[in-house]
Amino acid sequence: MWKQNKPELLAPAGDLEKLKIAVLYGADAVYIGGEAYGLRAKAKNFELDTMAEGIKFAHDHGVKVYITANIFAHNADFEGMAEYFQAVEKIGADALIISDLGVFSVAKEAVPNMEIHVSTQANNTNHRSASMWYQLGAKRVVLARELSFQEVRQIRENIPEDMDIEAFVHGAMCISYSGRCLLSNYLSGRDANKGACSHPCRWKYHLVEETRPGEYMPIEENERGTYIYNSKDLCMIAHIPDILESGIMSLKIEGRMKTPFYVGTVVKAYRQAIDDYLNSPELYYERLPQYLEEVSKASHRDYTDGFFYQKPDGKQQIYNSNTYIRGYDFIGMVQSDSDTDTGIAVVEQRNKFSVGEEIEVMPAKGDAFTMTVTKIWDIEGNLVESAPHPQQILQILFEKPVKKFDMLRKIVLDAK
């Protein structure tokens, strides 16, 4: 009988900085994209030399790296694919994430010893398809987001013991089936299934009656319009026990296009929630409001538990806006450990802040703390009152020791 080992927390990494944040803030593994074959073409992604640097950094911290190659390939896409897979294997990638059977066949031929994970894009909704992928050589199946916990448990009970189950537990939800969408292709000419989605599910729509061209009627009346395809974000941090008991081994966070602040905030919260539950379920339930508060500090839409407990109804959609809830601004990233004598550290600004403002410092490990900014120096050593310039390099006096990659945030006073 299959038995749950320690679960894996799998984090997104759209570039090298985000990879380092994910690793330091608690991920067990990260998934990244190269410059080809992945479904996030607008992410910065990784050239091979940068990928090698990221893999080394992750491995030095005991973290695995999975490479996305989950496009649905057309004939022309196979040129150079085998060589690419061999190159990422050579620099130490731990697995490929693949959707397409043809791409899978190339990987099995080019890198027969490399672990392959079957992407959620492959619509893995039943144990027979999962077992078939296993027979073909897959180590892991990433489940479709349309499954209930009951279906997940049935899959776990009917697949080989050494096959892993991965599932999304946090992040944006795609309105289409398992992320396979043609809206973008039709409306903007950009292929969502090859990484170029223009996200028309977030656009504003009106109804036009055939004999009344030019008369745009809102589908649901609102002064801003209506957003009929705009799903709430998935958030399962309040359901860690059910996730682990269902047989899900890898808990996946969506967000390769998101900010380092999002990655660090969400990864750290889930890391704490998982560890607390494994050490003491009572502690997990006691701290649950804190986890929910933390993940809500990152930019997000309203939250939903998706399909895990019931088929979604209209309550899982957001009809009156396509904007995010943003309670905190990411205002800076610490670039060096603070000086032990002076308490001063170098910071790269990400959003404006000023002397006299109250900010929070979020470390990779340990509790966040609040402080008032009392002194800021520019790169020439001049005292300044504020940090208005994007990515400005500054020095700040901290009340407590800080380390490189600690993040600074402040409350957005007019947050909606």
Foldseek 3Di string as FASTA:
>chain_A
DADFDQFFEEFEALFLLLLLLLQLLAGQEYEFEDCFQAQANVRPGDHLVRLLVSQVSNVVSNHAYEYENAFADDPVRVVCLLVVLLSSVVSPHQEYEYQYPVSVVSNCVSPVPHAYEYALLNAAQALVVVQVVVVVPHQEYEHWLQDALVRLLRNCVRHDNRRAYAYEQWWFDFLDGSQQDCPQCVPPVFHSSGRGRPPCLLPFAFDDDPVRPPDTHAPDDDPQGWRQSAFFIGHCLVPVVSCSVSRHRYHYYDDSPFDSQLSSQLSNLSSVLSVCCVVPVVSNVVCVVVSVVRNLQGWGGDYDNRNHHHHDDPVRHDIHHSGTFHFKDFFWFFAFKADPVQQKTKIFTAAKDFQQAKKWKAASDDDIDIDGFHWKAFPVGHTDGMDHDHRGIIMTRDPDIGGGGTTMMHTDPPGD
